N, C-alpha and C. Protein backbone atom coordinates (compact mmCIF):
# COMPACT_ATOMS: atom_id res chain seq x y z
N UNK A 1 115.71 84.31 52.12
CA UNK A 1 114.51 83.53 52.38
C UNK A 1 114.66 82.80 53.71
N UNK A 2 114.40 83.51 54.73
CA UNK A 2 114.47 82.90 56.05
C UNK A 2 113.07 82.39 56.39
N UNK A 3 112.47 81.93 57.00
CA UNK A 3 111.10 81.53 57.35
C UNK A 3 110.27 81.08 56.15
N UNK A 4 110.79 80.23 55.31
CA UNK A 4 110.01 79.62 54.24
C UNK A 4 109.55 80.58 53.16
N UNK A 5 110.30 81.58 52.82
CA UNK A 5 109.97 82.46 51.71
C UNK A 5 109.07 83.63 52.04
N UNK A 6 108.64 83.76 53.29
CA UNK A 6 107.76 84.88 53.61
C UNK A 6 108.52 86.04 54.26
N UNK A 7 109.82 85.87 54.50
CA UNK A 7 110.55 86.88 55.26
C UNK A 7 110.61 88.23 54.53
N UNK A 8 110.74 88.23 53.22
CA UNK A 8 110.84 89.51 52.53
C UNK A 8 109.51 90.26 52.60
N UNK A 9 108.40 89.55 52.48
CA UNK A 9 107.09 90.22 52.59
C UNK A 9 106.85 90.71 54.01
N UNK A 10 107.16 89.86 55.00
CA UNK A 10 106.95 90.25 56.39
C UNK A 10 107.84 91.45 56.74
N UNK A 11 109.08 91.41 56.30
CA UNK A 11 110.00 92.52 56.55
C UNK A 11 109.47 93.82 55.95
N UNK A 12 108.97 93.76 54.73
CA UNK A 12 108.44 94.94 54.07
C UNK A 12 107.23 95.50 54.81
N UNK A 13 106.34 94.62 55.26
CA UNK A 13 105.15 95.06 55.99
C UNK A 13 105.54 95.74 57.29
N UNK A 14 106.47 95.12 58.04
CA UNK A 14 106.88 95.71 59.31
C UNK A 14 107.63 97.03 59.11
N UNK A 15 108.43 97.11 58.10
CA UNK A 15 109.16 98.36 57.84
C UNK A 15 108.19 99.48 57.47
N UNK A 16 107.20 99.18 56.64
CA UNK A 16 106.21 100.21 56.27
C UNK A 16 105.39 100.62 57.49
N UNK A 17 105.01 99.65 58.33
CA UNK A 17 104.23 99.96 59.53
C UNK A 17 105.05 100.81 60.49
N UNK A 18 106.32 100.49 60.66
CA UNK A 18 107.18 101.27 61.54
C UNK A 18 107.39 102.67 61.02
N UNK A 19 107.52 102.82 59.73
CA UNK A 19 107.71 104.14 59.14
C UNK A 19 106.47 104.99 59.34
N UNK A 20 105.28 104.39 59.13
CA UNK A 20 104.04 105.14 59.32
C UNK A 20 103.84 105.53 60.77
N UNK A 21 104.31 104.68 61.71
CA UNK A 21 104.14 104.97 63.13
C UNK A 21 105.20 105.93 63.66
N UNK A 22 106.10 106.36 62.80
CA UNK A 22 107.14 107.29 63.22
C UNK A 22 108.31 106.62 63.89
N UNK A 23 108.51 105.34 63.63
CA UNK A 23 109.59 104.59 64.26
C UNK A 23 110.81 104.58 63.36
N UNK A 24 111.39 105.73 63.14
CA UNK A 24 112.61 105.80 62.35
C UNK A 24 113.76 106.17 63.26
N UNK A 25 114.86 106.59 62.75
CA UNK A 25 116.05 106.81 63.56
C UNK A 25 116.12 108.19 64.19
N UNK A 26 115.03 108.93 64.22
CA UNK A 26 115.05 110.23 64.88
C UNK A 26 115.08 110.06 66.38
N UNK A 27 115.69 110.98 67.12
CA UNK A 27 115.76 110.84 68.58
C UNK A 27 114.38 110.92 69.22
N UNK A 28 114.28 110.35 70.42
CA UNK A 28 113.02 110.33 71.15
C UNK A 28 112.56 111.74 71.46
N UNK A 29 113.48 112.57 71.87
CA UNK A 29 113.15 113.93 72.25
C UNK A 29 114.16 114.87 71.58
N UNK A 30 113.72 116.06 71.30
CA UNK A 30 114.64 117.01 70.70
C UNK A 30 115.63 117.54 71.75
N UNK A 31 115.29 117.42 73.01
CA UNK A 31 116.18 117.87 74.07
C UNK A 31 116.94 116.68 74.64
N UNK A 32 118.22 116.85 74.87
CA UNK A 32 119.07 115.78 75.37
C UNK A 32 118.77 115.49 76.85
N UNK A 33 118.76 114.22 77.21
CA UNK A 33 118.55 113.81 78.60
C UNK A 33 119.85 113.85 79.38
N UNK A 34 120.97 113.61 78.68
CA UNK A 34 122.28 113.53 79.33
C UNK A 34 123.27 114.42 78.59
N UNK A 35 124.35 114.75 79.27
CA UNK A 35 125.45 115.48 78.65
C UNK A 35 126.74 114.73 79.01
N UNK A 36 127.60 114.61 78.01
CA UNK A 36 128.89 113.93 78.25
C UNK A 36 129.67 114.67 79.31
N UNK A 37 130.30 113.90 80.19
CA UNK A 37 131.07 114.47 81.29
C UNK A 37 132.31 113.59 81.46
N UNK A 38 133.29 113.83 80.61
CA UNK A 38 134.46 112.95 80.56
C UNK A 38 134.06 111.62 79.93
N UNK A 39 134.29 110.54 80.65
CA UNK A 39 133.89 109.21 80.16
C UNK A 39 132.48 108.87 80.59
N UNK A 40 131.90 109.66 81.45
CA UNK A 40 130.57 109.38 82.00
C UNK A 40 129.52 110.27 81.34
N UNK A 41 128.29 110.13 81.80
CA UNK A 41 127.19 110.97 81.35
C UNK A 41 126.53 111.58 82.58
N UNK A 42 126.15 112.83 82.47
CA UNK A 42 125.50 113.54 83.55
C UNK A 42 124.07 113.85 83.14
N UNK A 43 123.06 113.48 83.96
CA UNK A 43 121.68 113.80 83.59
C UNK A 43 121.44 115.31 83.65
N UNK A 44 120.72 115.82 82.64
CA UNK A 44 120.43 117.25 82.61
C UNK A 44 118.94 117.54 82.56
N UNK A 45 118.11 116.51 82.49
CA UNK A 45 116.66 116.69 82.52
C UNK A 45 116.06 115.75 83.56
N UNK A 46 114.80 115.93 83.84
CA UNK A 46 114.11 115.07 84.78
C UNK A 46 114.09 113.62 84.28
N UNK A 47 113.91 113.42 82.99
CA UNK A 47 113.92 112.07 82.43
C UNK A 47 115.29 111.43 82.65
N UNK A 48 116.36 112.18 82.49
CA UNK A 48 117.70 111.66 82.73
C UNK A 48 117.93 111.30 84.18
N UNK A 49 117.40 112.11 85.08
CA UNK A 49 117.52 111.83 86.51
C UNK A 49 116.76 110.55 86.85
N UNK A 50 115.56 110.39 86.32
CA UNK A 50 114.77 109.18 86.58
C UNK A 50 115.46 107.95 86.01
N UNK A 51 115.99 108.07 84.80
CA UNK A 51 116.68 106.96 84.16
C UNK A 51 117.97 106.63 84.91
N UNK A 52 118.50 107.54 85.69
CA UNK A 52 119.68 107.29 86.50
C UNK A 52 119.31 106.70 87.86
N UNK A 53 118.25 107.19 88.47
CA UNK A 53 117.88 106.72 89.80
C UNK A 53 117.28 105.31 89.80
N UNK A 54 116.56 104.95 88.75
CA UNK A 54 115.98 103.61 88.71
C UNK A 54 117.03 102.50 88.73
N UNK A 55 118.08 102.56 87.92
CA UNK A 55 119.10 101.52 88.03
C UNK A 55 119.83 101.52 89.38
N UNK A 56 120.03 102.71 89.95
CA UNK A 56 120.67 102.76 91.26
C UNK A 56 119.81 102.09 92.33
N UNK A 57 118.51 102.34 92.29
CA UNK A 57 117.60 101.70 93.24
C UNK A 57 117.56 100.18 93.02
N UNK A 58 117.53 99.76 91.77
CA UNK A 58 117.54 98.33 91.46
C UNK A 58 118.82 97.67 91.99
N UNK A 59 119.97 98.30 91.74
CA UNK A 59 121.23 97.71 92.18
C UNK A 59 121.34 97.70 93.71
N UNK A 60 120.82 98.70 94.38
CA UNK A 60 120.81 98.70 95.84
C UNK A 60 119.96 97.55 96.36
N UNK A 61 118.82 97.32 95.73
CA UNK A 61 117.94 96.22 96.12
C UNK A 61 118.62 94.87 95.89
N UNK A 62 119.29 94.72 94.75
CA UNK A 62 120.01 93.48 94.46
C UNK A 62 121.13 93.28 95.47
N UNK A 63 121.87 94.33 95.79
CA UNK A 63 122.96 94.22 96.75
C UNK A 63 122.45 93.75 98.11
N UNK A 64 121.36 94.33 98.57
CA UNK A 64 120.81 93.94 99.87
C UNK A 64 120.34 92.48 99.85
N UNK A 65 119.67 92.08 98.78
CA UNK A 65 119.18 90.71 98.69
C UNK A 65 120.32 89.69 98.61
N UNK A 66 121.34 90.00 97.84
CA UNK A 66 122.48 89.07 97.70
C UNK A 66 123.30 89.05 98.98
N UNK A 67 123.53 90.21 99.58
CA UNK A 67 124.35 90.29 100.78
C UNK A 67 123.70 89.58 101.96
N UNK A 68 122.40 89.53 101.98
CA UNK A 68 121.67 88.87 103.06
C UNK A 68 122.02 87.38 103.14
N UNK A 69 122.29 86.77 101.97
CA UNK A 69 122.54 85.33 101.93
C UNK A 69 124.00 84.99 101.67
N UNK A 70 124.87 85.98 101.68
CA UNK A 70 126.29 85.74 101.41
C UNK A 70 127.03 85.42 102.70
N UNK A 71 128.13 84.68 102.56
CA UNK A 71 128.95 84.33 103.70
C UNK A 71 130.25 85.12 103.74
N UNK A 72 130.55 85.83 102.66
CA UNK A 72 131.79 86.61 102.62
C UNK A 72 131.62 87.75 101.63
N UNK A 73 132.61 88.64 101.62
CA UNK A 73 132.57 89.76 100.69
C UNK A 73 132.66 89.28 99.25
N UNK A 74 133.45 88.24 99.01
CA UNK A 74 133.57 87.74 97.64
C UNK A 74 132.27 87.09 97.17
N UNK A 75 131.53 86.45 98.07
CA UNK A 75 130.21 85.93 97.71
C UNK A 75 129.29 87.05 97.24
N UNK A 76 129.33 88.16 97.97
CA UNK A 76 128.50 89.30 97.60
C UNK A 76 128.91 89.86 96.25
N UNK A 77 130.21 90.04 96.05
CA UNK A 77 130.69 90.60 94.78
C UNK A 77 130.36 89.68 93.60
N UNK A 78 130.55 88.38 93.77
CA UNK A 78 130.21 87.45 92.70
C UNK A 78 128.71 87.44 92.43
N UNK A 79 127.92 87.64 93.46
CA UNK A 79 126.46 87.63 93.29
C UNK A 79 125.90 88.86 92.61
N UNK A 80 126.49 90.02 92.91
CA UNK A 80 125.94 91.26 92.35
C UNK A 80 126.54 91.63 91.01
N UNK A 81 127.70 91.08 90.68
CA UNK A 81 128.41 91.45 89.46
C UNK A 81 127.57 91.35 88.19
N UNK A 82 126.90 90.21 87.92
CA UNK A 82 126.13 90.15 86.66
C UNK A 82 125.00 91.17 86.60
N UNK A 83 124.37 91.44 87.73
CA UNK A 83 123.28 92.41 87.75
C UNK A 83 123.80 93.83 87.56
N UNK A 84 124.88 94.17 88.25
CA UNK A 84 125.44 95.51 88.15
C UNK A 84 125.95 95.80 86.75
N UNK A 85 126.67 94.86 86.18
CA UNK A 85 127.27 95.09 84.85
C UNK A 85 126.19 95.26 83.80
N UNK A 86 125.22 94.37 83.76
CA UNK A 86 124.18 94.48 82.73
C UNK A 86 123.32 95.73 82.94
N UNK A 87 123.03 96.06 84.18
CA UNK A 87 122.22 97.26 84.46
C UNK A 87 122.94 98.52 84.00
N UNK A 88 124.21 98.65 84.34
CA UNK A 88 124.92 99.87 83.99
C UNK A 88 125.36 99.91 82.54
N UNK A 89 125.49 98.76 81.89
CA UNK A 89 125.70 98.77 80.45
C UNK A 89 124.45 99.29 79.74
N UNK A 90 123.28 98.85 80.20
CA UNK A 90 122.03 99.35 79.62
C UNK A 90 121.88 100.84 79.88
N UNK A 91 122.19 101.26 81.12
CA UNK A 91 122.11 102.69 81.44
C UNK A 91 123.06 103.51 80.57
N UNK A 92 124.27 103.00 80.40
CA UNK A 92 125.26 103.70 79.58
C UNK A 92 124.81 103.80 78.13
N UNK A 93 124.18 102.74 77.63
CA UNK A 93 123.68 102.76 76.25
C UNK A 93 122.57 103.80 76.10
N UNK A 94 121.64 103.83 77.04
CA UNK A 94 120.55 104.81 76.98
C UNK A 94 121.12 106.22 77.11
N UNK A 95 122.05 106.42 78.02
CA UNK A 95 122.65 107.75 78.20
C UNK A 95 123.40 108.19 76.96
N UNK A 96 124.10 107.27 76.32
CA UNK A 96 124.85 107.61 75.11
C UNK A 96 123.90 107.96 73.97
N UNK A 97 122.79 107.25 73.86
CA UNK A 97 121.84 107.51 72.77
C UNK A 97 121.05 108.79 72.97
N UNK A 98 120.91 109.24 74.21
CA UNK A 98 120.13 110.44 74.47
C UNK A 98 121.01 111.60 74.92
N UNK A 99 122.32 111.50 74.70
CA UNK A 99 123.25 112.54 75.12
C UNK A 99 123.28 113.68 74.11
N UNK A 100 123.43 114.87 74.65
CA UNK A 100 123.55 116.04 73.78
C UNK A 100 125.00 116.29 73.42
N UNK A 101 125.22 117.36 72.73
CA UNK A 101 126.56 117.73 72.28
C UNK A 101 127.32 118.40 73.42
N UNK A 102 128.61 118.18 73.43
CA UNK A 102 129.51 118.94 74.31
C UNK A 102 129.39 118.60 75.77
N UNK A 103 129.77 119.54 76.58
CA UNK A 103 129.79 119.35 78.03
C UNK A 103 131.21 119.53 78.54
N UNK A 104 131.33 119.83 79.80
CA UNK A 104 132.66 120.02 80.39
C UNK A 104 133.34 118.68 80.60
N UNK A 105 134.60 118.59 80.23
CA UNK A 105 135.34 117.34 80.36
C UNK A 105 136.09 117.26 81.66
């Protein structure tokens, strides 16, 4: 009973609505966007390439913006670190969830 006793009803309504809308644990696409490549993931579809290029463009933009106002290399590294880590953790999570079986190691 979280939220004053309505949580079980609200949870049931949202679960039924999600099930009807097709929001279950099935993959987004039947075709894999990425393929495992050692510890990394390699894009194998256009969606995978786009999902890879967007974070790279974002991180390049962040690097340029941070480096413009930095006084040393360590200032730049400290400034870009939180953005780079969170961006590539999100990318890695998406790549892992949409990865197909196998691949050359």
